[in-house]
């Protein structure tokens, strides 16, 4: 039976992978349901946002389907915009609200909507957990405490929770004292909208990369992403491999990491390293993934990774840290190779093995798993049935 669903997530203004996630989830659910969306537009003062250079300048590769009504949007400092969101909810009267939680900066807006719902609409609320506490916020005690308190206030008004892996489910249950039977696991959908197949050599030429074995790191540059371990692993490669390879590091630097350019300067293979510390617009993503022979994600911790889902959509071999969340997300994907977090020698070993397969002409393309957005929507519909929607 078709249901009325309202999704609450980030707008394009403070663009991130969650913006695309919000649009993709809404579109997938709209195929069988009446979907509306409330976008959280201004999340915090501009000067506090590490990615402030691209605020308002990025458009995602996907757009909301026609027929999805969108409220654009709530601002952190504008009660007038909150009232607009309240009127939007009253008018649409959803059966279910799916609210994304990823940062405490949106807590007061989401708490307002949860209270309004409890008093006026009485929809079921599903809280989709993308972070327990953001790593940057976790390092600032007042914000960490605020995040936990605000999170508990919102969760007390929530009917069920969604995480993207079993380990995160257990963490949420333990930290917030939630019965696990109220927490459901739904994998993140593959980012197939980014998939535009271009010949690898053509992609490398467009990026100014000579024809070589291309090792790609893609995503934000933050301390917990472990990028220095990848550079260290590249430095340990045998010379005959390193000189025929290109390490490409692409992503926006959020400033909580040792400057990578300083580390690269001391590499014996620095001429073989391309480092582009900038936000990459969606239309450029296909070039990097088509150019890559292998994707390396040396995370020290993570609750989930949109980059993994892009890499799987392209069928690329992925060298990634053996973190429980990633091991579950990549279970069944034959292109996944796991190394201990921070173990640069193990990364070197896996790179050497993949390079040898590449030289031998072996296939380095793998079939992606079945977690399409249609399957994600189906699982959400099952959860809604279970919680009585």
Protein backbone atom coordinates (compact mmCIF):
# COMPACT_ATOMS: atom_id res chain seq x y z
CA UNK A 1 0.00 0.00 0.00
CA UNK A 2 1.28 3.46 -0.92
CA UNK A 3 2.37 5.58 2.05
CA UNK A 4 3.01 9.27 2.62
CA UNK A 5 6.68 9.76 3.55
CA UNK A 6 8.60 12.93 4.42
CA UNK A 7 12.42 12.82 4.31
CA UNK A 8 14.48 15.36 6.25
CA UNK A 9 18.07 15.84 5.10
CA UNK A 10 20.69 18.35 3.90
CA UNK A 11 20.22 20.68 0.95
CA UNK A 12 22.64 21.41 -1.88
CA UNK A 13 23.91 24.56 -0.12
CA UNK A 14 26.22 22.70 2.29
CA UNK A 15 26.83 20.00 -0.26
CA UNK A 16 28.05 16.56 0.77
CA UNK A 17 27.49 12.92 -0.11
CA UNK A 18 24.46 13.05 2.19
CA UNK A 19 22.83 15.51 -0.20
CA UNK A 20 22.99 12.89 -2.95
CA UNK A 21 21.89 10.21 -0.48
CA UNK A 22 18.79 12.26 0.44
CA UNK A 23 17.82 12.76 -3.21
CA UNK A 24 18.46 9.10 -4.13
CA UNK A 25 16.43 7.80 -1.18
CA UNK A 26 13.53 10.14 -1.95
CA UNK A 27 13.49 9.13 -5.63
CA UNK A 28 13.62 5.41 -4.82
CA UNK A 29 10.74 5.63 -2.31
CA UNK A 30 8.70 7.86 -4.66
CA UNK A 31 8.24 4.98 -7.12
CA UNK A 32 5.64 3.39 -4.82
CA UNK A 33 4.83 6.16 -2.32
CA UNK A 34 3.90 9.83 -2.01
CA UNK A 35 7.18 11.50 -0.95
CA UNK A 36 7.87 15.00 0.30
CA UNK A 37 11.18 16.44 1.49
CA UNK A 38 12.28 19.06 4.02
CA UNK A 39 15.81 20.26 3.34
CA UNK A 40 18.01 21.70 6.06
CA UNK A 41 19.62 24.56 4.17
CA UNK A 42 21.89 26.71 6.34
CA UNK A 43 23.39 24.38 8.93
CA UNK A 44 25.73 26.67 10.88
CA UNK A 45 27.60 29.97 10.47
CA UNK A 46 29.55 29.83 7.21
CA UNK A 47 32.93 30.58 8.83
CA UNK A 48 32.68 27.44 11.00
CA UNK A 49 32.23 25.06 8.06
CA UNK A 50 35.51 23.53 6.80
CA UNK A 51 34.12 23.28 3.25
CA UNK A 52 32.97 26.90 3.13
CA UNK A 53 34.72 27.58 -0.21
CA UNK A 54 32.13 25.56 -2.14
CA UNK A 55 29.00 26.55 -0.19
CA UNK A 56 26.22 27.09 -2.72
CA UNK A 57 28.44 26.31 -5.72
CA UNK A 58 27.82 22.58 -6.18
CA UNK A 59 24.94 20.76 -7.87
CA UNK A 60 24.53 17.01 -7.45
CA UNK A 61 24.46 14.57 -10.36
CA UNK A 62 20.89 13.61 -9.45
CA UNK A 63 17.75 15.69 -8.94
CA UNK A 64 14.44 15.06 -7.21
CA UNK A 65 11.88 13.36 -9.42
CA UNK A 66 8.93 15.48 -10.62
CA UNK A 67 6.08 15.09 -8.15
CA UNK A 68 8.25 15.16 -5.03
CA UNK A 69 7.32 18.31 -3.12
CA UNK A 70 10.39 19.94 -1.56
CA UNK A 71 10.61 22.57 1.18
CA UNK A 72 13.88 24.48 0.67
CA UNK A 73 14.65 24.94 3.45
CA UNK A 74 15.23 25.31 7.19
CA UNK A 75 18.03 27.58 8.44
CA UNK A 76 19.84 27.15 11.76
CA UNK A 77 19.13 30.76 12.82
CA UNK A 78 15.70 31.41 11.28
CA UNK A 79 12.58 30.49 13.30
CA UNK A 80 10.57 31.86 10.36
CA UNK A 81 11.97 29.04 8.20
CA UNK A 82 11.12 26.56 10.95
CA UNK A 83 7.52 27.79 10.90
CA UNK A 84 7.50 27.24 7.13
CA UNK A 85 8.66 23.65 7.68
CA UNK A 86 5.93 23.20 10.31
CA UNK A 87 3.27 24.37 7.84
CA UNK A 88 4.76 22.08 5.20
CA UNK A 89 4.47 19.07 7.54
CA UNK A 90 0.89 19.97 8.50
CA UNK A 91 -0.09 20.26 4.84
CA UNK A 92 1.50 16.96 3.80
CA UNK A 93 0.71 14.98 6.97
CA UNK A 94 3.10 12.10 6.29
CA UNK A 95 2.57 8.63 7.71
CA UNK A 96 6.34 8.33 8.23
CA UNK A 97 9.16 10.83 8.69
CA UNK A 98 12.67 9.63 7.78
CA UNK A 99 15.13 11.96 9.47
CA UNK A 100 18.88 11.83 8.77
CA UNK A 101 21.26 12.32 11.71
CA UNK A 102 24.88 13.15 10.93
CA UNK A 103 25.91 16.27 12.88
CA UNK A 104 24.84 18.05 16.04
CA UNK A 105 24.62 21.34 14.11
CA UNK A 106 21.17 20.29 12.87
CA UNK A 107 19.98 18.97 16.25
CA UNK A 108 17.87 21.98 17.25
CA UNK A 109 16.05 22.01 13.89
CA UNK A 110 15.40 18.27 13.96
CA UNK A 111 14.29 18.41 17.60
CA UNK A 112 11.81 21.16 16.68
CA UNK A 113 10.34 18.98 13.91
CA UNK A 114 10.20 15.93 16.19
CA UNK A 115 8.29 17.92 18.85
CA UNK A 116 5.91 19.37 16.26
CA UNK A 117 5.26 15.89 14.96
CA UNK A 118 4.58 14.51 18.44
CA UNK A 119 2.11 17.33 19.22
CA UNK A 120 0.34 17.83 15.90
CA UNK A 121 0.86 15.07 13.35
CA UNK A 122 1.85 11.90 15.18
CA UNK A 123 3.72 10.33 12.25
CA UNK A 124 6.12 7.49 12.87
CA UNK A 125 9.72 8.77 12.91
CA UNK A 126 12.63 6.74 11.54
CA UNK A 127 16.03 8.19 12.44
CA UNK A 128 18.71 7.21 9.91
CA UNK A 129 22.08 7.29 11.68
CA UNK A 130 25.03 8.34 9.51
CA UNK A 131 27.26 9.27 12.45
CA UNK A 132 27.09 8.68 16.18
CA UNK A 133 29.26 11.73 16.83
CA UNK A 134 31.18 13.43 14.02
CA UNK A 135 34.93 12.88 14.57
CA UNK A 136 35.66 16.62 14.52
CA UNK A 137 32.84 17.32 16.98
CA UNK A 138 33.96 14.43 19.18
CA UNK A 139 37.25 16.24 19.76
CA UNK A 140 35.53 19.27 21.30
CA UNK A 141 34.09 18.30 24.69
CA UNK A 142 31.19 20.84 24.88
CA UNK A 143 30.04 19.92 21.37
CA UNK A 144 30.44 16.21 22.10
CA UNK A 145 28.24 16.55 25.20
CA UNK A 146 25.70 18.70 23.36
CA UNK A 147 25.56 16.16 20.52
CA UNK A 148 24.85 13.32 22.93
CA UNK A 149 22.21 15.28 24.91
CA UNK A 150 20.46 16.63 21.79
CA UNK A 151 20.64 13.19 20.19
CA UNK A 152 18.93 11.60 23.19
CA UNK A 153 16.16 14.23 23.13
CA UNK A 154 15.47 13.50 19.46
CA UNK A 155 15.73 9.75 19.95
CA UNK A 156 13.19 9.83 22.77
CA UNK A 157 10.70 11.02 20.15
CA UNK A 158 11.74 8.43 17.56
CA UNK A 159 9.91 5.17 16.81
CA UNK A 160 12.73 3.26 15.12
CA UNK A 161 16.29 3.68 13.93
CA UNK A 162 18.22 2.74 10.82
CA UNK A 163 21.96 2.14 10.62
CA UNK A 164 24.02 0.98 7.67
CA UNK A 165 25.84 -1.84 9.45
CA UNK A 166 25.46 -4.16 12.43
CA UNK A 167 28.51 -2.75 14.29
CA UNK A 168 27.02 0.76 14.19
CA UNK A 169 23.69 -0.68 15.31
CA UNK A 170 25.39 -2.09 18.41
CA UNK A 171 27.19 1.21 19.08
CA UNK A 172 23.97 3.20 18.84
CA UNK A 173 22.21 0.76 21.18
CA UNK A 174 25.02 0.96 23.73
CA UNK A 175 25.69 4.70 23.65
CA UNK A 176 22.06 5.81 23.68
CA UNK A 177 20.54 2.92 25.63
CA UNK A 178 18.23 1.79 22.83
CA UNK A 179 16.78 -1.71 22.58
CA UNK A 180 18.32 -3.35 19.50
CA UNK A 181 14.91 -4.59 18.34
CA UNK A 182 14.10 -0.97 17.45
CA UNK A 183 17.22 -0.60 15.28
CA UNK A 184 17.19 -1.88 11.70
CA UNK A 185 20.15 -2.33 9.35
CA UNK A 186 19.77 -1.12 5.77
CA UNK A 187 22.89 -0.99 3.56
CA UNK A 188 23.72 2.21 1.73
CA UNK A 189 22.64 2.21 -1.90
CA UNK A 190 25.19 2.02 -4.69
CA UNK A 191 25.89 5.41 -6.23
CA UNK A 192 25.07 4.27 -9.74
CA UNK A 193 24.06 7.79 -10.76
CA UNK A 194 27.75 8.68 -10.79
CA UNK A 195 28.52 5.82 -13.14
CA UNK A 196 29.46 7.03 -16.58
CA UNK A 197 31.80 4.62 -18.31
CA UNK A 198 34.67 6.29 -20.14
CA UNK A 199 37.74 4.51 -21.50
CA UNK A 200 40.47 4.46 -18.86
CA UNK A 201 43.12 5.93 -21.14
CA UNK A 202 40.74 8.70 -22.26
CA UNK A 203 39.95 9.52 -18.63
CA UNK A 204 43.64 9.67 -17.73
CA UNK A 205 44.35 11.97 -20.67
CA UNK A 206 41.55 14.33 -19.62
CA UNK A 207 43.01 14.45 -16.11
CA UNK A 208 46.52 15.08 -17.37
CA UNK A 209 47.75 11.70 -16.14
CA UNK A 210 50.07 9.69 -18.36
CA UNK A 211 49.14 6.10 -19.15
CA UNK A 212 50.16 4.25 -15.98
CA UNK A 213 48.89 1.95 -13.25
CA UNK A 214 46.65 4.37 -11.33
CA UNK A 215 46.12 4.09 -7.57
CA UNK A 216 43.26 6.32 -6.40
CA UNK A 217 42.32 7.79 -3.04
CA UNK A 218 39.08 9.76 -3.31
CA UNK A 219 37.22 11.63 -0.56
CA UNK A 220 37.65 14.11 2.25
CA UNK A 221 41.14 14.54 3.67
CA UNK A 222 40.75 14.12 7.41
CA UNK A 223 42.91 12.60 10.12
CA UNK A 224 40.77 9.46 10.52
CA UNK A 225 40.90 8.76 6.77
CA UNK A 226 44.52 7.56 7.12
CA UNK A 227 45.86 9.02 3.85
CA UNK A 228 49.50 9.28 5.12
CA UNK A 229 49.54 5.48 5.44
CA UNK A 230 48.73 5.20 1.74
CA UNK A 231 51.62 7.52 0.84
CA UNK A 232 53.88 5.47 3.11
CA UNK A 233 52.70 2.29 1.37
CA UNK A 234 53.41 3.83 -2.04
CA UNK A 235 56.92 4.77 -0.87
CA UNK A 236 57.55 1.09 -0.02
CA UNK A 237 56.69 -0.22 -3.48
CA UNK A 238 59.54 -1.74 -5.50
CA UNK A 239 60.99 0.92 -7.78
CA UNK A 240 59.99 -0.96 -10.95
CA UNK A 241 56.34 -0.75 -9.84
CA UNK A 242 56.34 2.77 -8.41
CA UNK A 243 57.94 4.29 -11.51
CA UNK A 244 55.21 2.78 -13.70
CA UNK A 245 52.43 3.83 -11.34
CA UNK A 246 50.62 7.01 -10.42
CA UNK A 247 49.23 7.69 -6.95
CA UNK A 248 46.30 10.08 -7.30
CA UNK A 249 44.96 11.66 -4.09
CA UNK A 250 41.82 13.71 -4.65
CA UNK A 251 39.62 15.38 -2.08
CA UNK A 252 38.86 18.43 -0.02
CA UNK A 253 41.24 19.08 2.86
CA UNK A 254 39.33 19.83 6.06
CA UNK A 255 42.48 20.88 7.89
CA UNK A 256 42.65 18.35 10.74
CA UNK A 257 45.48 16.39 9.10
CA UNK A 258 49.21 16.99 8.69
CA UNK A 259 49.54 18.85 5.35
CA UNK A 260 49.88 16.12 2.74
CA UNK A 261 52.10 18.22 0.49
CA UNK A 262 54.71 18.23 3.23
CA UNK A 263 54.60 14.42 3.46
CA UNK A 264 54.71 14.01 -0.32
CA UNK A 265 57.74 16.29 -0.59
CA UNK A 266 59.82 13.67 1.25
CA UNK A 267 58.63 10.75 -0.90
CA UNK A 268 61.27 9.11 -3.11
CA UNK A 269 58.52 8.87 -5.75
CA UNK A 270 57.05 12.35 -5.35
CA UNK A 271 57.02 12.85 -9.13
CA UNK A 272 54.63 9.89 -9.35
CA UNK A 273 52.14 11.43 -6.89
CA UNK A 274 49.33 13.76 -7.93
CA UNK A 275 47.58 15.49 -5.03
CA UNK A 276 44.51 17.60 -5.78
CA UNK A 277 43.19 19.02 -2.54
CA UNK A 278 39.91 20.40 -3.76
CA UNK A 279 36.23 19.58 -3.86
CA UNK A 280 35.44 17.47 -6.93
CA UNK A 281 32.10 18.25 -8.61
CA UNK A 282 29.88 15.31 -9.50
CA UNK A 283 30.49 15.61 -13.24
CA UNK A 284 34.21 14.94 -12.66
CA UNK A 285 33.82 11.82 -10.51
CA UNK A 286 33.52 9.39 -13.42
CA UNK A 287 36.87 10.52 -14.82
CA UNK A 288 38.75 9.57 -11.67
CA UNK A 289 37.07 6.20 -11.20
CA UNK A 290 37.38 5.24 -14.87
CA UNK A 291 41.06 6.23 -14.77
CA UNK A 292 41.76 4.20 -11.62
CA UNK A 293 43.03 0.62 -11.64
CA UNK A 294 42.57 0.29 -7.87
CA UNK A 295 40.94 2.37 -5.12
CA UNK A 296 42.65 2.53 -1.72
CA UNK A 297 40.76 3.73 1.39
CA UNK A 298 43.08 3.40 4.42
CA UNK A 299 40.51 4.55 6.99
CA UNK A 300 41.32 4.39 10.69
CA UNK A 301 37.62 4.46 11.55
CA UNK A 302 34.33 5.02 9.74
CA UNK A 303 30.59 4.47 10.20
CA UNK A 304 30.06 4.20 6.46
CA UNK A 305 31.50 5.34 3.15
CA UNK A 306 29.81 6.70 0.08
CA UNK A 307 33.12 6.39 -1.79
CA UNK A 308 33.01 2.61 -1.29
CA UNK A 309 29.63 2.53 -2.99
CA UNK A 310 30.92 4.54 -5.94
CA UNK A 311 33.95 2.23 -6.28
CA UNK A 312 31.73 -0.87 -6.17
CA UNK A 313 29.39 0.61 -8.79
CA UNK A 314 32.45 0.86 -11.07
CA UNK A 315 33.54 -2.67 -10.14
CA UNK A 316 36.99 -1.53 -8.99
CA UNK A 317 39.31 -3.47 -6.69
CA UNK A 318 39.21 -1.80 -3.28
CA UNK A 319 41.99 -2.00 -0.70
CA UNK A 320 40.42 -0.93 2.57
CA UNK A 321 41.03 -1.16 6.29
CA UNK A 322 39.57 -4.18 8.08
CA UNK A 323 37.08 -2.11 10.08
CA UNK A 324 33.96 -4.02 11.08
CA UNK A 325 31.59 -1.58 9.35
CA UNK A 326 33.48 -1.88 6.06
CA UNK A 327 33.88 -5.64 6.28
CA UNK A 328 30.11 -5.97 6.55
CA UNK A 329 29.42 -3.41 3.82
CA UNK A 330 31.81 -5.17 1.43
CA UNK A 331 30.83 -8.73 2.32
CA UNK A 332 30.34 -10.67 -0.88
CA UNK A 333 32.16 -8.13 -3.04
CA UNK A 334 34.99 -10.11 -4.60
CA UNK A 335 37.06 -7.01 -5.33
CA UNK A 336 37.53 -6.13 -1.63
CA UNK A 337 40.95 -6.57 -0.05
CA UNK A 338 41.28 -5.88 3.67
CA UNK A 339 44.33 -4.69 5.60
CA UNK A 340 44.78 -3.81 9.27
CA UNK A 341 44.19 -0.08 9.96
CA UNK A 342 47.46 1.82 9.76
CA UNK A 343 49.39 -1.12 8.25
CA UNK A 344 51.18 0.49 5.31
CA UNK A 345 53.26 -2.66 4.61
CA UNK A 346 50.06 -4.68 4.10
CA UNK A 347 48.75 -2.04 1.68
CA UNK A 348 52.05 -2.26 -0.22
CA UNK A 349 51.64 -6.02 -0.47
CA UNK A 350 48.12 -5.79 -1.86
CA UNK A 351 49.13 -3.07 -4.34
CA UNK A 352 51.98 -5.27 -5.56
CA UNK A 353 49.64 -8.21 -6.08
CA UNK A 354 47.10 -6.12 -8.00
CA UNK A 355 49.86 -4.58 -10.11
CA UNK A 356 51.11 -8.04 -11.06
CA UNK A 357 47.59 -9.03 -12.12
CA UNK A 358 47.33 -5.81 -14.12
CA UNK A 359 50.61 -6.54 -15.95
CA UNK A 360 49.52 -10.14 -16.59
CA UNK A 361 46.34 -8.87 -18.22
CA UNK A 362 44.01 -10.37 -15.62
CA UNK A 363 40.55 -8.82 -15.21
CA UNK A 364 40.36 -6.22 -12.45
CA UNK A 365 36.63 -5.58 -12.77
CA UNK A 366 34.12 -7.09 -10.34
CA UNK A 367 30.35 -7.41 -10.20
CA UNK A 368 28.74 -4.92 -7.79
CA UNK A 369 26.49 -6.22 -4.99
CA UNK A 370 22.71 -6.03 -5.14
CA UNK A 371 22.12 -3.08 -2.80
CA UNK A 372 20.45 -0.89 -5.42
CA UNK A 373 18.30 2.04 -4.35
CA UNK A 374 15.21 0.04 -5.31
CA UNK A 375 16.28 -2.62 -2.80
CA UNK A 376 16.95 0.06 -0.15
CA UNK A 377 13.43 1.45 -0.70
CA UNK A 378 11.95 -2.05 -0.41
CA UNK A 379 13.70 -2.60 2.91
CA UNK A 380 12.39 0.73 4.21
CA UNK A 381 8.86 -0.26 3.22
CA UNK A 382 9.25 -3.51 5.18
CA UNK A 383 10.44 -1.57 8.24
CA UNK A 384 7.46 0.77 8.01
CA UNK A 385 5.15 -2.23 8.01
CA UNK A 386 6.90 -3.62 11.07
CA UNK A 387 6.48 -0.40 13.06
CA UNK A 388 2.81 -0.18 12.20
CA UNK A 389 2.69 2.44 9.46
